[in-house]
């Protein structure tokens, strides 16, 4: 294991000692939740809060934290109830003596809460970013995780909060703190034309989706909508950005419908924001979704949105106001909404401008950090 120096001495809350926080994420890939945890840690450090990051050895979470100058502690965090991992976390907590232990992933929730309670150190905060039922895990484990051992839950959307309450988490233990996006960075995203790279004619409109290929992202719905789009707008190109376990299945569906060169799978891209800015329409056809920060990105990057009416999405895509909503798993409705925006660019511009205003008001990184810090302070005072 390796341990960076803590941010002791950066400062403190007026009249008090330095507030110490530990942030745990057990994921081995980089997705939206890891980005939010990093944004939070950066914002806390700028506010003179002591931050220590804990993750799996070599994980993007730890590597990104260290690149940003944040202290990183590597532990093998395998499984939800790994005794060795719990013991090592307890040792770490006794060394650092954090005021707040903040878990940012499902296994981090179980491990961090158990280590915190057994060591008697720190108040336990858990971020919940998905709108899956909490009983997705075995019932006894879900009861243990959600009824005991956690002081506060942070839900990133009203949709996530509603699922938690429905599944038995007391409403008075849940705070709503929406995810945030780095508006200045998004506004500085360069405008690029990818037509030559992908072999797309100048006259062809481009519809795109950027997401991990997980079952709940349901990219196959967009693929099945393609023939309906091409019946009326045959030059349209559809681009799917991302990778993951469901990609091969979606590619098989694309082959079965005879998509050919009009449907492009890019794999993982480090320039996803530039692609979103370039798209004529951004699509998110999830069947479950906590919030979806890629939609927030699209609002700022100037790209109109069509998305599924699920989870937290209706909070950021208000139908006919900041985008168009369609029923989940409905290729015909999805195709209809896409065709409508392709034919009415003024509508797309109006929806996008309203979406941008919504993000500016409520979904900045600064608002997310301040909201989370308010949760910490209420717990400690």
Protein backbone atom coordinates (compact mmCIF):
# COMPACT_ATOMS: atom_id res chain seq x y z
CA UNK A 1 0.00 0.00 0.00
CA UNK A 2 1.16 3.59 -0.52
CA UNK A 3 0.11 6.70 1.29
CA UNK A 4 0.41 10.32 0.22
CA UNK A 5 0.80 13.14 2.72
CA UNK A 6 -2.48 14.52 4.02
CA UNK A 7 -3.61 18.07 3.33
CA UNK A 8 -3.02 19.08 6.96
CA UNK A 9 -2.23 22.74 7.24
CA UNK A 10 -4.19 23.84 4.17
CA UNK A 11 -6.47 25.57 6.64
CA UNK A 12 -9.56 25.01 8.72
CA UNK A 13 -13.14 26.04 9.24
CA UNK A 14 -12.99 29.36 11.16
CA UNK A 15 -12.65 28.75 14.87
CA UNK A 16 -12.17 25.01 14.45
CA UNK A 17 -9.49 22.47 13.60
CA UNK A 18 -9.05 21.15 10.09
CA UNK A 19 -11.99 19.04 8.91
CA UNK A 20 -10.65 15.65 7.82
CA UNK A 21 -12.35 13.55 5.14
CA UNK A 22 -11.65 10.15 3.60
CA UNK A 23 -13.15 9.27 0.21
CA UNK A 24 -13.45 5.60 -0.81
CA UNK A 25 -14.18 4.29 -4.31
CA UNK A 26 -13.72 0.62 -5.20
CA UNK A 27 -14.31 0.81 -8.96
CA UNK A 28 -11.57 -0.28 -11.35
CA UNK A 29 -12.87 1.80 -14.26
CA UNK A 30 -13.43 5.54 -14.73
CA UNK A 31 -17.05 6.57 -15.03
CA UNK A 32 -19.31 9.39 -13.94
CA UNK A 33 -19.26 8.55 -10.24
CA UNK A 34 -15.47 8.64 -10.10
CA UNK A 35 -15.45 12.01 -11.86
CA UNK A 36 -17.93 13.39 -9.32
CA UNK A 37 -15.83 12.10 -6.41
CA UNK A 38 -12.74 13.76 -7.88
CA UNK A 39 -14.58 17.04 -8.44
CA UNK A 40 -15.72 16.90 -4.81
CA UNK A 41 -12.24 16.19 -3.46
CA UNK A 42 -10.75 19.01 -5.54
CA UNK A 43 -13.40 21.41 -4.30
CA UNK A 44 -12.96 20.39 -0.66
CA UNK A 45 -9.18 20.80 -0.88
CA UNK A 46 -9.65 24.31 -2.31
CA UNK A 47 -11.84 25.06 0.71
CA UNK A 48 -9.09 24.03 3.15
CA UNK A 49 -10.55 20.61 3.93
CA UNK A 50 -8.18 17.67 4.55
CA UNK A 51 -8.77 15.04 1.84
CA UNK A 52 -7.49 11.46 1.54
CA UNK A 53 -8.52 9.23 -1.38
CA UNK A 54 -8.74 5.43 -1.00
CA UNK A 55 -9.08 3.03 -3.92
CA UNK A 56 -7.85 -0.16 -5.53
CA UNK A 57 -4.19 -0.37 -6.58
CA UNK A 58 -3.65 1.15 -10.00
CA UNK A 59 -7.28 2.25 -10.32
CA UNK A 60 -8.08 5.36 -12.39
CA UNK A 61 -9.61 6.84 -9.23
CA UNK A 62 -6.27 6.80 -7.40
CA UNK A 63 -4.19 7.70 -10.44
CA UNK A 64 -6.41 10.70 -11.24
CA UNK A 65 -6.31 11.88 -7.63
CA UNK A 66 -2.53 11.75 -7.53
CA UNK A 67 -2.20 13.57 -10.84
CA UNK A 68 -4.24 16.31 -9.23
CA UNK A 69 -1.98 16.45 -6.19
CA UNK A 70 -4.42 14.73 -3.84
CA UNK A 71 -3.13 12.08 -1.42
CA UNK A 72 -3.99 8.55 -2.48
CA UNK A 73 -4.03 5.38 -0.41
CA UNK A 74 -4.09 2.05 -2.28
CA UNK A 75 -5.87 -0.92 -0.71
CA UNK A 76 -7.13 -4.16 -2.33
CA UNK A 77 -10.85 -3.49 -1.88
CA UNK A 78 -12.43 -6.63 -3.30
CA UNK A 79 -15.96 -7.68 -2.39
CA UNK A 80 -18.59 -6.03 -0.25
CA UNK A 81 -17.66 -7.80 3.01
CA UNK A 82 -13.96 -8.56 2.68
CA UNK A 83 -12.51 -8.96 6.22
CA UNK A 84 -8.97 -8.05 5.13
CA UNK A 85 -10.17 -4.87 3.44
CA UNK A 86 -12.28 -3.92 6.47
CA UNK A 87 -9.28 -4.45 8.77
CA UNK A 88 -6.99 -2.32 6.59
CA UNK A 89 -9.58 0.46 6.42
CA UNK A 90 -9.88 0.36 10.21
CA UNK A 91 -6.11 0.78 10.48
CA UNK A 92 -6.24 3.71 8.08
CA UNK A 93 -9.06 5.38 10.00
CA UNK A 94 -7.12 5.02 13.27
CA UNK A 95 -4.12 6.67 11.62
CA UNK A 96 -5.96 9.57 9.97
CA UNK A 97 -8.89 9.86 12.41
CA UNK A 98 -11.26 11.37 9.84
CA UNK A 99 -14.35 13.32 10.79
CA UNK A 100 -16.13 12.12 7.64
CA UNK A 101 -15.81 8.81 5.76
CA UNK A 102 -17.50 9.27 2.38
CA UNK A 103 -18.20 6.17 0.28
CA UNK A 104 -18.66 6.73 -3.45
CA UNK A 105 -19.43 3.20 -4.74
CA UNK A 106 -21.50 0.18 -3.71
CA UNK A 107 -18.66 -1.90 -2.25
CA UNK A 108 -17.13 1.22 -0.70
CA UNK A 109 -20.46 1.69 1.08
CA UNK A 110 -20.36 -1.75 2.72
CA UNK A 111 -16.64 -1.74 3.51
CA UNK A 112 -16.47 1.86 4.70
CA UNK A 113 -19.55 1.64 6.89
CA UNK A 114 -18.40 -1.58 8.55
CA UNK A 115 -14.86 -0.31 9.13
CA UNK A 116 -16.17 2.98 10.45
CA UNK A 117 -18.54 1.36 12.91
CA UNK A 118 -16.03 -1.24 14.13
CA UNK A 119 -13.35 1.40 14.64
CA UNK A 120 -15.76 3.94 16.10
CA UNK A 121 -14.14 6.64 13.98
CA UNK A 122 -15.83 9.08 11.62
CA UNK A 123 -19.36 9.83 10.51
CA UNK A 124 -20.35 7.73 7.50
CA UNK A 125 -21.73 9.40 4.36
CA UNK A 126 -22.73 7.40 1.27
CA UNK A 127 -23.42 8.80 -2.19
CA UNK A 128 -26.13 6.97 -4.13
CA UNK A 129 -25.87 7.64 -7.88
CA UNK A 130 -28.08 4.95 -9.42
CA UNK A 131 -31.82 4.39 -9.38
CA UNK A 132 -31.60 0.60 -9.08
CA UNK A 133 -33.57 -0.92 -6.21
CA UNK A 134 -31.38 -1.19 -3.12
CA UNK A 135 -32.57 -4.80 -2.88
CA UNK A 136 -30.53 -5.56 -5.99
CA UNK A 137 -28.14 -7.12 -3.43
CA UNK A 138 -29.20 -10.07 -1.24
CA UNK A 139 -31.88 -8.88 1.19
CA UNK A 140 -29.85 -9.33 4.38
CA UNK A 141 -26.88 -7.44 2.93
CA UNK A 142 -29.09 -4.62 1.66
CA UNK A 143 -30.77 -4.30 5.07
CA UNK A 144 -27.37 -4.22 6.76
CA UNK A 145 -26.04 -1.59 4.35
CA UNK A 146 -29.05 0.72 4.30
CA UNK A 147 -30.62 0.40 7.74
CA UNK A 148 -27.48 0.40 9.86
CA UNK A 149 -24.05 1.95 9.85
CA UNK A 150 -24.65 5.04 7.68
CA UNK A 151 -25.24 8.50 9.12
CA UNK A 152 -26.33 10.27 5.92
CA UNK A 153 -27.12 9.26 2.36
CA UNK A 154 -26.63 11.69 -0.50
CA UNK A 155 -28.95 11.11 -3.47
CA UNK A 156 -27.93 12.79 -6.72
CA UNK A 157 -31.51 13.24 -7.94
CA UNK A 158 -35.10 13.18 -6.75
CA UNK A 159 -35.48 9.98 -8.79
CA UNK A 160 -32.74 8.22 -6.83
CA UNK A 161 -34.14 9.52 -3.53
CA UNK A 162 -37.62 8.23 -4.39
CA UNK A 163 -36.31 4.71 -5.07
CA UNK A 164 -34.44 4.70 -1.75
CA UNK A 165 -37.51 5.81 0.20
CA UNK A 166 -39.69 3.27 -1.61
CA UNK A 167 -37.22 0.54 -0.64
CA UNK A 168 -37.30 1.48 3.05
CA UNK A 169 -34.51 4.00 3.66
CA UNK A 170 -35.83 6.65 6.09
CA UNK A 171 -36.47 9.90 4.20
CA UNK A 172 -34.92 11.93 7.01
CA UNK A 173 -31.54 10.21 6.43
CA UNK A 174 -31.34 11.27 2.77
CA UNK A 175 -30.01 14.58 1.48
CA UNK A 176 -30.41 15.68 -2.13
CA UNK A 177 -27.19 16.99 -3.69
CA UNK A 178 -27.27 16.88 -7.50
CA UNK A 179 -24.17 15.99 -9.49
CA UNK A 180 -22.29 18.90 -11.02
CA UNK A 181 -20.35 19.66 -14.18
CA UNK A 182 -17.32 21.88 -14.71
CA UNK A 183 -18.99 24.64 -16.68
CA UNK A 184 -15.81 26.62 -17.40
CA UNK A 185 -14.04 23.55 -18.74
CA UNK A 186 -17.03 22.62 -20.89
CA UNK A 187 -17.26 26.12 -22.32
CA UNK A 188 -13.57 25.91 -23.24
CA UNK A 189 -14.08 22.63 -25.16
CA UNK A 190 -12.75 23.19 -28.70
CA UNK A 191 -15.02 22.85 -31.70
CA UNK A 192 -13.78 20.10 -34.00
CA UNK A 193 -15.13 18.50 -37.15
CA UNK A 194 -14.81 14.71 -37.08
CA UNK A 195 -16.31 14.12 -40.53
CA UNK A 196 -13.05 13.20 -42.22
CA UNK A 197 -12.09 10.81 -39.39
CA UNK A 198 -15.37 8.92 -39.65
CA UNK A 199 -15.92 9.31 -43.39
CA UNK A 200 -19.13 11.32 -43.05
CA UNK A 201 -20.37 13.56 -45.89
CA UNK A 202 -20.72 17.30 -45.22
CA UNK A 203 -24.48 17.13 -45.72
CA UNK A 204 -25.13 14.27 -43.27
CA UNK A 205 -26.64 15.09 -39.86
CA UNK A 206 -25.00 13.35 -36.88
CA UNK A 207 -26.82 11.80 -33.91
CA UNK A 208 -24.68 10.54 -31.02
CA UNK A 209 -24.76 8.67 -27.73
CA UNK A 210 -21.89 8.70 -25.20
CA UNK A 211 -22.15 6.06 -22.47
CA UNK A 212 -20.61 2.96 -20.97
CA UNK A 213 -22.07 -0.12 -22.64
CA UNK A 214 -23.93 -1.45 -19.59
CA UNK A 215 -27.31 -3.16 -19.84
CA UNK A 216 -29.14 -0.19 -18.31
CA UNK A 217 -27.80 2.25 -20.93
CA UNK A 218 -29.83 0.38 -23.59
CA UNK A 219 -27.95 1.60 -26.68
CA UNK A 220 -29.75 -1.13 -28.62
CA UNK A 221 -32.90 1.03 -28.50
CA UNK A 222 -31.13 3.70 -30.57
CA UNK A 223 -29.84 1.02 -32.94
CA UNK A 224 -33.38 -0.32 -33.45
CA UNK A 225 -34.59 3.24 -34.09
CA UNK A 226 -32.08 3.69 -36.92
CA UNK A 227 -34.12 2.08 -39.74
CA UNK A 228 -37.06 4.35 -38.84
CA UNK A 229 -34.78 7.39 -38.97
CA UNK A 230 -33.19 6.32 -42.25
CA UNK A 231 -36.57 5.81 -43.91
CA UNK A 232 -37.05 9.58 -43.76
CA UNK A 233 -33.51 10.97 -43.35
CA UNK A 234 -31.29 8.41 -45.09
CA UNK A 235 -28.06 10.41 -44.83
CA UNK A 236 -28.17 10.54 -41.02
CA UNK A 237 -25.17 9.04 -39.25
CA UNK A 238 -25.46 7.57 -35.75
CA UNK A 239 -22.36 7.38 -33.53
CA UNK A 240 -22.09 5.30 -30.35
CA UNK A 241 -19.18 6.36 -28.14
CA UNK A 242 -17.99 4.10 -25.32
CA UNK A 243 -17.11 0.56 -24.42
CA UNK A 244 -18.28 -2.11 -22.00
CA UNK A 245 -19.74 -5.56 -21.60
CA UNK A 246 -22.86 -5.00 -23.73
CA UNK A 247 -21.05 -3.58 -26.75
CA UNK A 248 -20.74 -6.89 -28.63
CA UNK A 249 -24.48 -7.53 -28.24
CA UNK A 250 -25.35 -4.08 -29.58
CA UNK A 251 -22.94 -4.56 -32.49
CA UNK A 252 -24.70 -7.82 -33.37
CA UNK A 253 -28.04 -6.01 -33.46
CA UNK A 254 -26.51 -3.32 -35.69
CA UNK A 255 -25.27 -6.00 -38.08
CA UNK A 256 -28.68 -7.70 -38.07
CA UNK A 257 -30.47 -4.51 -39.17
CA UNK A 258 -27.92 -3.91 -41.92
CA UNK A 259 -26.66 -0.64 -40.44
CA UNK A 260 -23.43 -0.65 -42.41
CA UNK A 261 -21.40 2.56 -42.56
CA UNK A 262 -24.24 4.74 -41.24
CA UNK A 263 -23.80 3.44 -37.67
CA UNK A 264 -20.36 3.91 -36.11
CA UNK A 265 -18.96 2.38 -32.90
CA UNK A 266 -15.97 4.46 -31.75
CA UNK A 267 -14.99 2.57 -28.59
CA UNK A 268 -13.65 4.53 -25.63
CA UNK A 269 -12.65 8.11 -26.49
CA UNK A 270 -10.80 10.69 -24.44
CA UNK A 271 -12.39 13.48 -26.53
CA UNK A 272 -16.01 12.63 -25.74
CA UNK A 273 -16.89 16.23 -24.89
CA UNK A 274 -15.60 17.44 -28.25
CA UNK A 275 -17.74 14.78 -29.91
CA UNK A 276 -20.83 15.86 -27.97
CA UNK A 277 -20.25 19.47 -29.07
CA UNK A 278 -20.00 18.26 -32.69
CA UNK A 279 -23.16 16.13 -32.65
CA UNK A 280 -26.36 17.64 -34.05
CA UNK A 281 -28.40 15.70 -31.46
CA UNK A 282 -27.35 13.94 -28.25
CA UNK A 283 -29.32 10.82 -27.29
CA UNK A 284 -29.54 8.96 -23.98
CA UNK A 285 -31.90 5.96 -24.09
CA UNK A 286 -31.26 4.41 -20.66
CA UNK A 287 -33.80 2.21 -18.91
CA UNK A 288 -32.41 3.19 -15.49
CA UNK A 289 -30.49 6.39 -14.78
CA UNK A 290 -29.60 8.24 -11.60
CA UNK A 291 -29.12 11.60 -13.31
CA UNK A 292 -26.71 11.46 -16.32
CA UNK A 293 -24.02 14.12 -16.33
CA UNK A 294 -23.44 13.59 -20.06
CA UNK A 295 -26.82 15.27 -20.60
CA UNK A 296 -25.65 18.19 -18.47
CA UNK A 297 -22.53 18.33 -20.64
CA UNK A 298 -24.67 18.44 -23.78
CA UNK A 299 -26.73 21.32 -22.41
CA UNK A 300 -23.57 23.40 -21.93
CA UNK A 301 -21.88 22.21 -25.14
CA UNK A 302 -24.79 23.42 -27.27
CA UNK A 303 -26.29 20.09 -28.36
CA UNK A 304 -30.05 19.44 -28.09
CA UNK A 305 -31.06 16.30 -26.17
CA UNK A 306 -33.48 13.42 -26.67
CA UNK A 307 -33.64 11.09 -23.66
CA UNK A 308 -35.65 8.39 -21.90
CA UNK A 309 -38.22 9.42 -19.33
CA UNK A 310 -36.63 7.42 -16.50
CA UNK A 311 -34.93 7.96 -13.14
CA UNK A 312 -33.46 11.42 -12.62
CA UNK A 313 -33.45 12.34 -16.32
CA UNK A 314 -36.79 14.28 -16.23
CA UNK A 315 -35.19 16.63 -13.69
CA UNK A 316 -32.66 17.80 -16.30
CA UNK A 317 -34.61 17.10 -19.50
CA UNK A 318 -37.95 18.80 -18.96
CA UNK A 319 -40.04 17.69 -21.91
CA UNK A 320 -40.57 20.41 -24.52
CA UNK A 321 -38.60 22.84 -22.32
CA UNK A 322 -34.98 21.66 -22.06
CA UNK A 323 -35.14 18.66 -24.39
CA UNK A 324 -37.44 15.91 -25.61
CA UNK A 325 -38.40 12.92 -23.46
CA UNK A 326 -39.52 9.56 -24.85
CA UNK A 327 -40.75 6.37 -23.18
CA UNK A 328 -37.94 3.89 -22.42
CA UNK A 329 -37.39 0.95 -24.76
CA UNK A 330 -39.52 2.56 -27.49
CA UNK A 331 -37.53 2.81 -30.76
CA UNK A 332 -40.45 4.36 -32.66
CA UNK A 333 -40.89 7.22 -30.19
CA UNK A 334 -37.13 7.75 -30.06
CA UNK A 335 -36.92 7.91 -33.86
CA UNK A 336 -39.84 10.34 -33.97
CA UNK A 337 -38.21 12.73 -31.50
CA UNK A 338 -34.87 12.60 -33.32
CA UNK A 339 -36.55 13.27 -36.68
CA UNK A 340 -38.43 16.20 -35.17
CA UNK A 341 -35.19 17.86 -34.05
CA UNK A 342 -33.42 17.09 -37.32
CA UNK A 343 -36.18 18.97 -39.15
CA UNK A 344 -36.59 21.85 -36.71
CA UNK A 345 -33.22 23.32 -35.78
CA UNK A 346 -34.89 26.34 -34.18
CA UNK A 347 -36.66 24.03 -31.73
CA UNK A 348 -33.35 22.35 -30.89
CA UNK A 349 -31.67 25.70 -30.28
CA UNK A 350 -34.51 26.85 -28.00
CA UNK A 351 -34.47 23.64 -25.97
CA UNK A 352 -30.71 23.75 -25.63
CA UNK A 353 -30.67 27.36 -24.44
CA UNK A 354 -33.16 26.50 -21.71
CA UNK A 355 -31.10 23.43 -20.79
CA UNK A 356 -27.99 25.56 -20.50
CA UNK A 357 -29.78 27.98 -18.17
CA UNK A 358 -30.89 25.07 -15.97
CA UNK A 359 -27.34 23.74 -15.63
CA UNK A 360 -25.94 27.19 -14.86
CA UNK A 361 -28.48 27.65 -12.05
CA UNK A 362 -28.33 24.27 -10.37
CA UNK A 363 -25.78 21.78 -11.66
CA UNK A 364 -22.35 23.34 -11.30
CA UNK A 365 -19.47 21.59 -9.53
CA UNK A 366 -19.41 24.47 -7.06
CA UNK A 367 -23.05 23.87 -6.10
CA UNK A 368 -22.35 20.14 -5.66
CA UNK A 369 -19.33 20.78 -3.41
CA UNK A 370 -21.15 23.36 -1.30
CA UNK A 371 -24.16 21.06 -0.95
CA UNK A 372 -21.97 18.15 0.17
CA UNK A 373 -20.03 20.29 2.62
CA UNK A 374 -23.33 21.44 4.12
CA UNK A 375 -24.23 17.77 4.73
CA UNK A 376 -20.90 17.23 6.49
CA UNK A 377 -21.34 20.29 8.69
CA UNK A 378 -24.87 19.35 9.73
CA UNK A 379 -23.57 15.93 10.77
CA UNK A 380 -20.77 17.35 12.87
CA UNK A 381 -22.57 20.21 14.61
